[in-house]
Amino acid sequence: MDTIVISELEVRYRVGVSDDERRSPQRLLLNVEMGDDFSSAITTDSIAHTVDYFAVSQVLLKFGEGKEWKLIEKLASDIAQMILSRFKPASVCVEVKKFVIPEARFVAVRVTRDRLQ
């Protein structure tokens, strides 16, 4: 299986357990890995036979508009399900990095989903 990686895409979503934390969008970093067989794309050199990572990034930049989550676990799962249903890779791994503990560089959650799930 081949993999397309979007690394540390900066987004601003409303996420947090408390109402106060969700009051304003906060900076998050997303890492997304999309796995599939890209042999047709390699043979044809055509974007029609692969996952359009630019399109994925543009959807992710707007994904949080009008939404909020209490847990980054739920956010990561929602992102993974959206990518699977909309862009159709065989698998996706989504990592959400949040910057809420001053003594830690970040807190992260990573989920992996397959199209068959």
PDB file of N, CA and C in Angstrom:
ATOM      1  N   MET A   1       0.846  -1.180   0.000  1.00  0.00           N
ATOM      2  CA  MET A   1       0.000   0.000   0.000  1.00  0.00           C
ATOM      3  C   MET A   1       0.893   1.246   0.000  1.00  0.00           C
ATOM      4  N   ASP A   2       0.514   2.207  -0.802  1.00  0.00           N
ATOM      5  CA  ASP A   2       1.221   3.484  -0.875  1.00  0.00           C
ATOM      6  C   ASP A   2       0.523   4.482   0.051  1.00  0.00           C
ATOM      7  N   THR A   3       1.223   5.558   0.389  1.00  0.00           N
ATOM      8  CA  THR A   3       0.682   6.517   1.347  1.00  0.00           C
ATOM      9  C   THR A   3       0.908   7.946   0.888  1.00  0.00           C
ATOM     10  N   ILE A   4      -0.139   8.766   1.008  1.00  0.00           N
ATOM     11  CA  ILE A   4      -0.041  10.217   0.836  1.00  0.00           C
ATOM     12  C   ILE A   4      -0.109  10.821   2.232  1.00  0.00           C
ATOM     13  N   VAL A   5       0.783  11.765   2.525  1.00  0.00           N
ATOM     14  CA  VAL A   5       0.855  12.375   3.853  1.00  0.00           C
ATOM     15  C   VAL A   5       0.630  13.876   3.752  1.00  0.00           C
ATOM     16  N   ILE A   6      -0.269  14.379   4.575  1.00  0.00           N
ATOM     17  CA  ILE A   6      -0.400  15.821   4.798  1.00  0.00           C
ATOM     18  C   ILE A   6       0.122  16.044   6.209  1.00  0.00           C
ATOM     19  N   SER A   7       1.191  16.803   6.337  1.00  0.00           N
ATOM     20  CA  SER A   7       1.882  16.950   7.614  1.00  0.00           C
ATOM     21  C   SER A   7       1.655  18.323   8.240  1.00  0.00           C
ATOM     22  N   GLU A   8       1.145  18.287   9.464  1.00  0.00           N
ATOM     23  CA  GLU A   8       0.978  19.467  10.313  1.00  0.00           C
ATOM     24  C   GLU A   8       0.203  20.595   9.637  1.00  0.00           C
ATOM     25  N   LEU A   9      -0.952  20.249   9.106  1.00  0.00           N
ATOM     26  CA  LEU A   9      -1.860  21.245   8.545  1.00  0.00           C
ATOM     27  C   LEU A   9      -2.459  22.037   9.704  1.00  0.00           C
ATOM     28  N   GLU A  10      -2.251  23.337   9.709  1.00  0.00           N
ATOM     29  CA  GLU A  10      -2.765  24.179  10.794  1.00  0.00           C
ATOM     30  C   GLU A  10      -4.210  24.555  10.515  1.00  0.00           C
ATOM     31  N   VAL A  11      -5.076  24.201  11.473  1.00  0.00           N
ATOM     32  CA  VAL A  11      -6.497  24.523  11.392  1.00  0.00           C
ATOM     33  C   VAL A  11      -6.911  25.203  12.690  1.00  0.00           C
ATOM     34  N   ARG A  12      -8.080  25.797  12.680  1.00  0.00           N
ATOM     35  CA  ARG A  12      -8.658  26.398  13.884  1.00  0.00           C
ATOM     36  C   ARG A  12     -10.076  25.875  14.041  1.00  0.00           C
ATOM     37  N   TYR A  13     -10.245  25.030  15.058  1.00  0.00           N
ATOM     38  CA  TYR A  13     -11.540  24.414  15.358  1.00  0.00           C
ATOM     39  C   TYR A  13     -11.903  24.702  16.807  1.00  0.00           C
ATOM     40  N   ARG A  14     -13.197  24.624  17.100  1.00  0.00           N
ATOM     41  CA  ARG A  14     -13.689  24.750  18.474  1.00  0.00           C
ATOM     42  C   ARG A  14     -13.705  23.351  19.089  1.00  0.00           C
ATOM     43  N   VAL A  15     -12.795  23.116  20.025  1.00  0.00           N
ATOM     44  CA  VAL A  15     -12.704  21.812  20.664  1.00  0.00           C
ATOM     45  C   VAL A  15     -12.246  21.986  22.104  1.00  0.00           C
ATOM     46  N   GLY A  16     -12.908  21.275  23.000  1.00  0.00           N
ATOM     47  CA  GLY A  16     -12.550  21.322  24.408  1.00  0.00           C
ATOM     48  C   GLY A  16     -13.703  20.830  25.265  1.00  0.00           C
ATOM     49  N   VAL A  17     -13.380  20.285  26.413  1.00  0.00           N
ATOM     50  CA  VAL A  17     -14.400  19.738  27.294  1.00  0.00           C
ATOM     51  C   VAL A  17     -15.288  20.843  27.856  1.00  0.00           C
ATOM     52  N   SER A  18     -14.687  21.950  28.248  1.00  0.00           N
ATOM     53  CA  SER A  18     -15.478  23.024  28.866  1.00  0.00           C
ATOM     54  C   SER A  18     -16.057  23.972  27.810  1.00  0.00           C
ATOM     55  N   ASP A  19     -17.176  24.592  28.164  1.00  0.00           N
ATOM     56  CA  ASP A  19     -17.782  25.600  27.287  1.00  0.00           C
ATOM     57  C   ASP A  19     -16.803  26.730  27.019  1.00  0.00           C
ATOM     58  N   ASP A  20     -16.043  27.119  28.052  1.00  0.00           N
ATOM     59  CA  ASP A  20     -15.085  28.217  27.910  1.00  0.00           C
ATOM     60  C   ASP A  20     -14.004  27.871  26.889  1.00  0.00           C
ATOM     61  N   GLU A  21     -13.539  26.632  26.913  1.00  0.00           N
ATOM     62  CA  GLU A  21     -12.492  26.212  25.973  1.00  0.00           C
ATOM     63  C   GLU A  21     -13.006  26.183  24.532  1.00  0.00           C
ATOM     64  N   ARG A  22     -14.288  25.911  24.366  1.00  0.00           N
ATOM     65  CA  ARG A  22     -14.878  25.858  23.025  1.00  0.00           C
ATOM     66  C   ARG A  22     -15.383  27.215  22.546  1.00  0.00           C
ATOM     67  N   ARG A  23     -15.287  28.221  23.386  1.00  0.00           N
ATOM     68  CA  ARG A  23     -15.818  29.546  23.037  1.00  0.00           C
ATOM     69  C   ARG A  23     -15.180  30.102  21.767  1.00  0.00           C
ATOM     70  N   SER A  24     -13.887  29.906  21.610  1.00  0.00           N
ATOM     71  CA  SER A  24     -13.175  30.417  20.436  1.00  0.00           C
ATOM     72  C   SER A  24     -12.428  29.283  19.752  1.00  0.00           C
ATOM     73  N   PRO A  25     -12.308  29.341  18.443  1.00  0.00           N
ATOM     74  CA  PRO A  25     -11.503  28.321  17.762  1.00  0.00           C
ATOM     75  C   PRO A  25     -10.057  28.362  18.252  1.00  0.00           C
ATOM     76  N   GLN A  26      -9.459  27.211  18.370  1.00  0.00           N
ATOM     77  CA  GLN A  26      -8.066  27.147  18.799  1.00  0.00           C
ATOM     78  C   GLN A  26      -7.215  26.466  17.740  1.00  0.00           C
ATOM     79  N   ARG A  27      -5.948  26.771  17.778  1.00  0.00           N
ATOM     80  CA  ARG A  27      -4.987  26.227  16.822  1.00  0.00           C
ATOM     81  C   ARG A  27      -4.770  24.748  17.098  1.00  0.00           C
ATOM     82  N   LEU A  28      -4.898  23.960  16.036  1.00  0.00           N
ATOM     83  CA  LEU A  28      -4.605  22.536  16.066  1.00  0.00           C
ATOM     84  C   LEU A  28      -3.727  22.212  14.871  1.00  0.00           C
ATOM     85  N   LEU A  29      -2.960  21.162  14.975  1.00  0.00           N
ATOM     86  CA  LEU A  29      -2.212  20.654  13.828  1.00  0.00           C
ATOM     87  C   LEU A  29      -2.741  19.273  13.481  1.00  0.00           C
ATOM     88  N   LEU A  30      -2.975  19.046  12.209  1.00  0.00           N
ATOM     89  CA  LEU A  30      -3.474  17.761  11.730  1.00  0.00           C
ATOM     90  C   LEU A  30      -2.409  17.067  10.895  1.00  0.00           C
ATOM     91  N   ASN A  31      -2.213  15.799  11.178  1.00  0.00           N
ATOM     92  CA  ASN A  31      -1.406  14.935  10.330  1.00  0.00           C
ATOM     93  C   ASN A  31      -2.354  13.890   9.755  1.00  0.00           C
ATOM     94  N   VAL A  32      -2.332  13.740   8.446  1.00  0.00           N
ATOM     95  CA  VAL A  32      -3.236  12.817   7.771  1.00  0.00           C
ATOM     96  C   VAL A  32      -2.414  11.932   6.845  1.00  0.00           C
ATOM     97  N   GLU A  33      -2.610  10.629   6.977  1.00  0.00           N
ATOM     98  CA  GLU A  33      -1.981   9.662   6.079  1.00  0.00           C
ATOM     99  C   GLU A  33      -3.090   8.870   5.397  1.00  0.00           C
ATOM    100  N   MET A  34      -3.079   8.878   4.084  1.00  0.00           N
ATOM    101  CA  MET A  34      -4.096   8.170   3.297  1.00  0.00           C
ATOM    102  C   MET A  34      -3.421   7.069   2.498  1.00  0.00           C
ATOM    103  N   GLY A  35      -3.826   5.842   2.762  1.00  0.00           N
ATOM    104  CA  GLY A  35      -3.215   4.701   2.100  1.00  0.00           C
ATOM    105  C   GLY A  35      -4.094   4.138   1.007  1.00  0.00           C
ATOM    106  N   ASP A  36      -3.467   3.743  -0.083  1.00  0.00           N
ATOM    107  CA  ASP A  36      -4.200   3.137  -1.189  1.00  0.00           C
ATOM    108  C   ASP A  36      -3.189   2.552  -2.168  1.00  0.00           C
ATOM    109  N   ASP A  37      -3.688   1.903  -3.192  1.00  0.00           N
ATOM    110  CA  ASP A  37      -2.849   1.405  -4.274  1.00  0.00           C
ATOM    111  C   ASP A  37      -2.811   2.503  -5.345  1.00  0.00           C
ATOM    112  N   PHE A  38      -1.684   3.155  -5.474  1.00  0.00           N
ATOM    113  CA  PHE A  38      -1.555   4.255  -6.425  1.00  0.00           C
ATOM    114  C   PHE A  38      -0.884   3.826  -7.730  1.00  0.00           C
ATOM    115  N   SER A  39      -0.893   2.533  -8.032  1.00  0.00           N
ATOM    116  CA  SER A  39      -0.225   2.061  -9.247  1.00  0.00           C
ATOM    117  C   SER A  39      -0.860   2.649 -10.514  1.00  0.00           C
ATOM    118  N   SER A  40      -2.173   2.823 -10.537  1.00  0.00           N
ATOM    119  CA  SER A  40      -2.822   3.429 -11.716  1.00  0.00           C
ATOM    120  C   SER A  40      -2.393   4.873 -11.881  1.00  0.00           C
ATOM    121  N   ALA A  41      -2.299   5.594 -10.770  1.00  0.00           N
ATOM    122  CA  ALA A  41      -1.855   6.993 -10.841  1.00  0.00           C
ATOM    123  C   ALA A  41      -0.416   7.074 -11.334  1.00  0.00           C
ATOM    124  N   ILE A  42       0.406   6.145 -10.891  1.00  0.00           N
ATOM    125  CA  ILE A  42       1.803   6.129 -11.316  1.00  0.00           C
ATOM    126  C   ILE A  42       1.896   5.828 -12.813  1.00  0.00           C
ATOM    127  N   THR A  43       1.101   4.881 -13.271  1.00  0.00           N
ATOM    128  CA  THR A  43       1.117   4.499 -14.682  1.00  0.00           C
ATOM    129  C   THR A  43       0.584   5.611 -15.585  1.00  0.00           C
ATOM    130  N   THR A  44      -0.518   6.229 -15.178  1.00  0.00           N
ATOM    131  CA  THR A  44      -1.180   7.229 -16.029  1.00  0.00           C
ATOM    132  C   THR A  44      -0.703   8.655 -15.787  1.00  0.00           C
ATOM    133  N   ASP A  45      -0.048   8.876 -14.630  1.00  0.00           N
ATOM    134  CA  ASP A  45       0.370  10.226 -14.231  1.00  0.00           C
ATOM    135  C   ASP A  45      -0.838  11.169 -14.198  1.00  0.00           C
ATOM    136  N   SER A  46      -1.977  10.626 -13.726  1.00  0.00           N
ATOM    137  CA  SER A  46      -3.231  11.379 -13.709  1.00  0.00           C
ATOM    138  C   SER A  46      -3.774  11.498 -12.292  1.00  0.00           C
ATOM    139  N   ILE A  47      -4.171  12.700 -11.932  1.00  0.00           N
ATOM    140  CA  ILE A  47      -4.752  12.941 -10.612  1.00  0.00           C
ATOM    141  C   ILE A  47      -6.086  12.218 -10.441  1.00  0.00           C
ATOM    142  N   ALA A  48      -6.708  11.851 -11.533  1.00  0.00           N
ATOM    143  CA  ALA A  48      -7.983  11.126 -11.469  1.00  0.00           C
ATOM    144  C   ALA A  48      -7.833   9.753 -10.816  1.00  0.00           C
ATOM    145  N   HIS A  49      -6.601   9.238 -10.739  1.00  0.00           N
ATOM    146  CA  HIS A  49      -6.360   7.897 -10.201  1.00  0.00           C
ATOM    147  C   HIS A  49      -5.683   7.915  -8.833  1.00  0.00           C
ATOM    148  N   THR A  50      -5.804   9.026  -8.126  1.00  0.00           N
ATOM    149  CA  THR A  50      -5.186   9.131  -6.813  1.00  0.00           C
ATOM    150  C   THR A  50      -6.098   9.945  -5.898  1.00  0.00           C
ATOM    151  N   VAL A  51      -5.626  10.208  -4.697  1.00  0.00           N
ATOM    152  CA  VAL A  51      -6.338  11.077  -3.762  1.00  0.00           C
ATOM    153  C   VAL A  51      -5.771  12.481  -3.937  1.00  0.00           C
ATOM    154  N   ASP A  52      -6.624  13.427  -4.210  1.00  0.00           N
ATOM    155  CA  ASP A  52      -6.202  14.819  -4.420  1.00  0.00           C
ATOM    156  C   ASP A  52      -5.915  15.459  -3.060  1.00  0.00           C
ATOM    157  N   TYR A  53      -4.653  15.457  -2.658  1.00  0.00           N
ATOM    158  CA  TYR A  53      -4.300  15.956  -1.329  1.00  0.00           C
ATOM    159  C   TYR A  53      -4.577  17.436  -1.166  1.00  0.00           C
ATOM    160  N   PHE A  54      -4.524  18.213  -2.249  1.00  0.00           N
ATOM    161  CA  PHE A  54      -4.871  19.632  -2.148  1.00  0.00           C
ATOM    162  C   PHE A  54      -6.355  19.781  -1.793  1.00  0.00           C
ATOM    163  N   ALA A  55      -7.199  19.011  -2.457  1.00  0.00           N
ATOM    164  CA  ALA A  55      -8.635  19.058  -2.156  1.00  0.00           C
ATOM    165  C   ALA A  55      -8.902  18.632  -0.714  1.00  0.00           C
ATOM    166  N   VAL A  56      -8.216  17.586  -0.248  1.00  0.00           N
ATOM    167  CA  VAL A  56      -8.371  17.149   1.144  1.00  0.00           C
ATOM    168  C   VAL A  56      -8.001  18.287   2.090  1.00  0.00           C
ATOM    169  N   SER A  57      -6.875  18.950   1.832  1.00  0.00           N
ATOM    170  CA  SER A  57      -6.433  20.028   2.727  1.00  0.00           C
ATOM    171  C   SER A  57      -7.431  21.185   2.738  1.00  0.00           C
ATOM    172  N   GLN A  58      -8.010  21.507   1.596  1.00  0.00           N
ATOM    173  CA  GLN A  58      -8.971  22.616   1.541  1.00  0.00           C
ATOM    174  C   GLN A  58     -10.248  22.279   2.318  1.00  0.00           C
ATOM    175  N   VAL A  59     -10.691  21.035   2.233  1.00  0.00           N
ATOM    176  CA  VAL A  59     -11.860  20.608   3.005  1.00  0.00           C
ATOM    177  C   VAL A  59     -11.547  20.656   4.496  1.00  0.00           C
ATOM    178  N   LEU A  60     -10.358  20.212   4.886  1.00  0.00           N
ATOM    179  CA  LEU A  60      -9.979  20.221   6.302  1.00  0.00           C
ATOM    180  C   LEU A  60      -9.888  21.645   6.866  1.00  0.00           C
ATOM    181  N   LEU A  61      -9.424  22.579   6.065  1.00  0.00           N
ATOM    182  CA  LEU A  61      -9.324  23.959   6.534  1.00  0.00           C
ATOM    183  C   LEU A  61     -10.695  24.537   6.888  1.00  0.00           C
ATOM    184  N   LYS A  62     -11.747  24.033   6.244  1.00  0.00           N
ATOM    185  CA  LYS A  62     -13.105  24.530   6.489  1.00  0.00           C
ATOM    186  C   LYS A  62     -13.953  23.563   7.314  1.00  0.00           C
ATOM    187  N   PHE A  63     -13.420  22.412   7.654  1.00  0.00           N
ATOM    188  CA  PHE A  63     -14.180  21.355   8.300  1.00  0.00           C
ATOM    189  C   PHE A  63     -14.798  21.786   9.633  1.00  0.00           C
ATOM    190  N   GLY A  64     -14.145  22.662  10.344  1.00  0.00           N
ATOM    191  CA  GLY A  64     -14.623  23.074  11.661  1.00  0.00           C
ATOM    192  C   GLY A  64     -15.649  24.187  11.655  1.00  0.00           C
ATOM    193  N   GLU A  65     -15.942  24.757  10.506  1.00  0.00           N
ATOM    194  CA  GLU A  65     -16.878  25.885  10.455  1.00  0.00           C
ATOM    195  C   GLU A  65     -18.263  25.462  10.921  1.00  0.00           C
ATOM    196  N   GLY A  66     -18.761  26.157  11.947  1.00  0.00           N
ATOM    197  CA  GLY A  66     -20.090  25.881  12.477  1.00  0.00           C
ATOM    198  C   GLY A  66     -20.190  24.614  13.314  1.00  0.00           C
ATOM    199  N   LYS A  67     -19.062  24.016  13.676  1.00  0.00           N
ATOM    200  CA  LYS A  67     -19.050  22.777  14.451  1.00  0.00           C
ATOM    201  C   LYS A  67     -18.214  22.956  15.702  1.00  0.00           C
ATOM    202  N   GLU A  68     -18.431  22.061  16.654  1.00  0.00           N
ATOM    203  CA  GLU A  68     -17.560  22.005  17.829  1.00  0.00           C
ATOM    204  C   GLU A  68     -17.534  20.586  18.362  1.00  0.00           C
ATOM    205  N   TRP A  69     -16.466  20.263  19.051  1.00  0.00           N
ATOM    206  CA  TRP A  69     -16.268  18.949  19.642  1.00  0.00           C
ATOM    207  C   TRP A  69     -15.779  19.120  21.068  1.00  0.00           C
ATOM    208  N   LYS A  70     -16.148  18.209  21.934  1.00  0.00           N
ATOM    209  CA  LYS A  70     -15.611  18.201  23.296  1.00  0.00           C
ATOM    210  C   LYS A  70     -14.273  17.469  23.332  1.00  0.00           C
ATOM    211  N   LEU A  71     -14.160  16.385  22.574  1.00  0.00           N
ATOM    212  CA  LEU A  71     -12.960  15.543  22.626  1.00  0.00           C
ATOM    213  C   LEU A  71     -12.231  15.512  21.290  1.00  0.00           C
ATOM    214  N   ILE A  72     -10.901  15.544  21.352  1.00  0.00           N
ATOM    215  CA  ILE A  72     -10.133  15.419  20.114  1.00  0.00           C
ATOM    216  C   ILE A  72     -10.239  13.997  19.558  1.00  0.00           C
ATOM    217  N   GLU A  73     -10.585  13.029  20.401  1.00  0.00           N
ATOM    218  CA  GLU A  73     -10.818  11.678  19.916  1.00  0.00           C
ATOM    219  C   GLU A  73     -11.985  11.667  18.915  1.00  0.00           C
ATOM    220  N   LYS A  74     -13.058  12.340  19.267  1.00  0.00           N
ATOM    221  CA  LYS A  74     -14.238  12.419  18.397  1.00  0.00           C
ATOM    222  C   LYS A  74     -13.909  13.213  17.133  1.00  0.00           C
ATOM    223  N   LEU A  75     -13.191  14.311  17.293  1.00  0.00           N
ATOM    224  CA  LEU A  75     -12.786  15.119  16.143  1.00  0.00           C
ATOM    225  C   LEU A  75     -11.968  14.282  15.162  1.00  0.00           C
ATOM    226  N   ALA A  76     -10.961  13.568  15.657  1.00  0.00           N
ATOM    227  CA  ALA A  76     -10.105  12.750  14.785  1.00  0.00           C
ATOM    228  C   ALA A  76     -10.925  11.683  14.062  1.00  0.00           C
ATOM    229  N   SER A  77     -11.849  11.059  14.778  1.00  0.00           N
ATOM    230  CA  SER A  77     -12.698  10.041  14.159  1.00  0.00           C
ATOM    231  C   SER A  77     -13.608  10.648  13.093  1.00  0.00           C
ATOM    232  N   ASP A  78     -14.187  11.805  13.359  1.00  0.00           N
ATOM    233  CA  ASP A  78     -15.043  12.473  12.375  1.00  0.00           C
ATOM    234  C   ASP A  78     -14.266  12.839  11.114  1.00  0.00           C
ATOM    235  N   ILE A  79     -13.040  13.323  11.295  1.00  0.00           N
ATOM    236  CA  ILE A  79     -12.204  13.664  10.136  1.00  0.00           C
ATOM    237  C   ILE A  79     -11.905  12.411   9.315  1.00  0.00           C
ATOM    238  N   ALA A  80     -11.542  11.325   9.998  1.00  0.00           N
ATOM    239  CA  ALA A  80     -11.216  10.079   9.299  1.00  0.00           C
ATOM    240  C   ALA A  80     -12.416   9.573   8.509  1.00  0.00           C
ATOM    241  N   GLN A  81     -13.579   9.581   9.109  1.00  0.00           N
ATOM    242  CA  GLN A  81     -14.780   9.100   8.419  1.00  0.00           C
ATOM    243  C   GLN A  81     -15.113   9.978   7.208  1.00  0.00           C
ATOM    244  N   MET A  82     -14.960  11.289   7.352  1.00  0.00           N
ATOM    245  CA  MET A  82     -15.230  12.198   6.240  1.00  0.00           C
ATOM    246  C   MET A  82     -14.284  11.914   5.074  1.00  0.00           C
ATOM    247  N   ILE A  83     -12.990  11.744   5.369  1.00  0.00           N
ATOM    248  CA  ILE A  83     -12.010  11.487   4.312  1.00  0.00           C
ATOM    249  C   ILE A  83     -12.313  10.164   3.609  1.00  0.00           C
ATOM    250  N   LEU A  84     -12.627   9.131   4.381  1.00  0.00           N
ATOM    251  CA  LEU A  84     -12.955   7.838   3.776  1.00  0.00           C
ATOM    252  C   LEU A  84     -14.169   7.937   2.863  1.00  0.00           C
ATOM    253  N   SER A  85     -15.208   8.612   3.317  1.00  0.00           N
ATOM    254  CA  SER A  85     -16.433   8.656   2.515  1.00  0.00           C
ATOM    255  C   SER A  85     -16.322   9.600   1.325  1.00  0.00           C
ATOM    256  N   ARG A  86     -15.590  10.681   1.480  1.00  0.00           N
ATOM    257  CA  ARG A  86     -15.529  11.681   0.402  1.00  0.00           C
ATOM    258  C   ARG A  86     -14.405  11.415  -0.605  1.00  0.00           C
ATOM    259  N   PHE A  87     -13.236  10.983  -0.117  1.00  0.00           N
ATOM    260  CA  PHE A  87     -12.065  10.851  -0.992  1.00  0.00           C
ATOM    261  C   PHE A  87     -11.685   9.402  -1.300  1.00  0.00           C
ATOM    262  N   LYS A  88     -12.276   8.459  -0.592  1.00  0.00           N
ATOM    263  CA  LYS A  88     -12.194   7.024  -0.892  1.00  0.00           C
ATOM    264  C   LYS A  88     -10.810   6.366  -0.850  1.00  0.00           C
ATOM    265  N   PRO A  89      -9.901   6.767   0.048  1.00  0.00           N
ATOM    266  CA  PRO A  89      -8.676   5.969   0.174  1.00  0.00           C
ATOM    267  C   PRO A  89      -9.025   4.634   0.826  1.00  0.00           C
ATOM    268  N   ALA A  90      -8.140   3.666   0.737  1.00  0.00           N
ATOM    269  CA  ALA A  90      -8.371   2.375   1.387  1.00  0.00           C
ATOM    270  C   ALA A  90      -8.289   2.502   2.899  1.00  0.00           C
ATOM    271  N   SER A  91      -7.424   3.407   3.374  1.00  0.00           N
ATOM    272  CA  SER A  91      -7.281   3.622   4.814  1.00  0.00           C
ATOM    273  C   SER A  91      -6.872   5.065   5.067  1.00  0.00           C
ATOM    274  N   VAL A  92      -7.100   5.493   6.296  1.00  0.00           N
ATOM    275  CA  VAL A  92      -6.686   6.832   6.685  1.00  0.00           C
ATOM    276  C   VAL A  92      -6.257   6.803   8.144  1.00  0.00           C
ATOM    277  N   CYS A  93      -5.208   7.539   8.439  1.00  0.00           N
ATOM    278  CA  CYS A  93      -4.752   7.743   9.805  1.00  0.00           C
ATOM    279  C   CYS A  93      -4.769   9.250  10.042  1.00  0.00           C
ATOM    280  N   VAL A  94      -5.449   9.672  11.103  1.00  0.00           N
ATOM    281  CA  VAL A  94      -5.561  11.095  11.426  1.00  0.00           C
ATOM    282  C   VAL A  94      -5.002  11.319  12.817  1.00  0.00           C
ATOM    283  N   GLU A  95      -4.096  12.266  12.925  1.00  0.00           N
ATOM    284  CA  GLU A  95      -3.561  12.682  14.216  1.00  0.00           C
ATOM    285  C   GLU A  95      -3.931  14.142  14.435  1.00  0.00           C
ATOM    286  N   VAL A  96      -4.489  14.438  15.610  1.00  0.00           N
ATOM    287  CA  VAL A  96      -4.847  15.796  15.989  1.00  0.00           C
ATOM    288  C   VAL A  96      -3.941  16.199  17.148  1.00  0.00           C
ATOM    289  N   LYS A  97      -3.209  17.304  16.964  1.00  0.00           N
ATOM    290  CA  LYS A  97      -2.342  17.837  18.013  1.00  0.00           C
ATOM    291  C   LYS A  97      -2.984  19.095  18.589  1.00  0.00           C
ATOM    292  N   LYS A  98      -3.044  19.140  19.923  1.00  0.00           N
ATOM    293  CA  LYS A  98      -3.673  20.245  20.638  1.00  0.00           C
ATOM    294  C   LYS A  98      -2.660  20.787  21.642  1.00  0.00           C
ATOM    295  N   PHE A  99      -2.686  22.083  21.860  1.00  0.00           N
ATOM    296  CA  PHE A  99      -1.674  22.757  22.674  1.00  0.00           C
ATOM    297  C   PHE A  99      -2.323  23.351  23.923  1.00  0.00           C
ATOM    298  N   VAL A 100      -2.620  22.498  24.914  1.00  0.00           N
ATOM    299  CA  VAL A 100      -3.382  22.935  26.079  1.00  0.00           C
ATOM    300  C   VAL A 100      -2.658  22.743  27.408  1.00  0.00           C
ATOM    301  N   ILE A 101      -1.623  21.943  27.435  1.00  0.00           N
ATOM    302  CA  ILE A 101      -0.878  21.729  28.680  1.00  0.00           C
ATOM    303  C   ILE A 101       0.433  22.478  28.566  1.00  0.00           C
ATOM    304  N   PRO A 102       0.591  23.555  29.358  1.00  0.00           N
ATOM    305  CA  PRO A 102       1.796  24.394  29.221  1.00  0.00           C
ATOM    306  C   PRO A 102       3.108  23.625  29.374  1.00  0.00           C
ATOM    307  N   GLU A 103       3.110  22.584  30.181  1.00  0.00           N
ATOM    308  CA  GLU A 103       4.350  21.840  30.417  1.00  0.00           C
ATOM    309  C   GLU A 103       4.637  20.803  29.337  1.00  0.00           C
ATOM    310  N   ALA A 104       3.717  20.623  28.408  1.00  0.00           N
ATOM    311  CA  ALA A 104       3.893  19.642  27.329  1.00  0.00           C
ATOM    312  C   ALA A 104       3.940  20.360  25.985  1.00  0.00           C
ATOM    313  N   ARG A 105       4.705  19.845  25.079  1.00  0.00           N
ATOM    314  CA  ARG A 105       4.766  20.423  23.735  1.00  0.00           C
ATOM    315  C   ARG A 105       3.387  20.373  23.080  1.00  0.00           C
ATOM    316  N   PHE A 106       2.701  19.221  23.194  1.00  0.00           N
ATOM    317  CA  PHE A 106       1.334  19.071  22.693  1.00  0.00           C
ATOM    318  C   PHE A 106       0.736  17.802  23.274  1.00  0.00           C
ATOM    319  N   VAL A 107      -0.565  17.668  23.115  1.00  0.00           N
ATOM    320  CA  VAL A 107      -1.301  16.438  23.391  1.00  0.00           C
ATOM    321  C   VAL A 107      -1.856  15.998  22.047  1.00  0.00           C
ATOM    322  N   ALA A 108      -1.848  14.699  21.786  1.00  0.00           N
ATOM    323  CA  ALA A 108      -2.308  14.231  20.482  1.00  0.00           C
ATOM    324  C   ALA A 108      -3.158  12.981  20.610  1.00  0.00           C
ATOM    325  N   VAL A 109      -4.022  12.822  19.630  1.00  0.00           N
ATOM    326  CA  VAL A 109      -4.796  11.598  19.454  1.00  0.00           C
ATOM    327  C   VAL A 109      -4.603  11.159  18.014  1.00  0.00           C
ATOM    328  N   ARG A 110      -4.439   9.849  17.825  1.00  0.00           N
ATOM    329  CA  ARG A 110      -4.287   9.308  16.484  1.00  0.00           C
ATOM    330  C   ARG A 110      -5.298   8.176  16.293  1.00  0.00           C
ATOM    331  N   VAL A 111      -6.066   8.242  15.220  1.00  0.00           N
ATOM    332  CA  VAL A 111      -7.004   7.158  14.894  1.00  0.00           C
ATOM    333  C   VAL A 111      -6.700   6.655  13.488  1.00  0.00           C
ATOM    334  N   THR A 112      -6.917   5.369  13.301  1.00  0.00           N
ATOM    335  CA  THR A 112      -6.740   4.751  11.985  1.00  0.00           C
ATOM    336  C   THR A 112      -8.030   4.037  11.628  1.00  0.00           C
ATOM    337  N   ARG A 113      -8.490   4.290  10.411  1.00  0.00           N
ATOM    338  CA  ARG A 113      -9.731   3.679   9.932  1.00  0.00           C
ATOM    339  C   ARG A 113      -9.502   3.118   8.529  1.00  0.00           C
ATOM    340  N   ASP A 114     -10.202   2.032   8.244  1.00  0.00           N
ATOM    341  CA  ASP A 114     -10.176   1.422   6.916  1.00  0.00           C
ATOM    342  C   ASP A 114     -11.524   1.640   6.247  1.00  0.00           C
ATOM    343  N   ARG A 115     -11.527   1.667   4.951  1.00  0.00           N
ATOM    344  CA  ARG A 115     -12.759   1.889   4.194  1.00  0.00           C
ATOM    345  C   ARG A 115     -13.805   0.827   4.513  1.00  0.00           C
ATOM    346  N   LEU A 116     -13.391  -0.356   4.883  1.00  0.00           N
ATOM    347  CA  LEU A 116     -14.329  -1.449   5.161  1.00  0.00           C
ATOM    348  C   LEU A 116     -15.048  -1.283   6.491  1.00  0.00           C
ATOM    349  N   GLN A 117     -14.568  -0.423   7.386  1.00  0.00           N
ATOM    350  CA  GLN A 117     -15.192  -0.260   8.700  1.00  0.00           C
ATOM    351  C   GLN A 117     -16.455   0.552   8.621  1.00  0.00           C
TER     352      GLN A 117
END
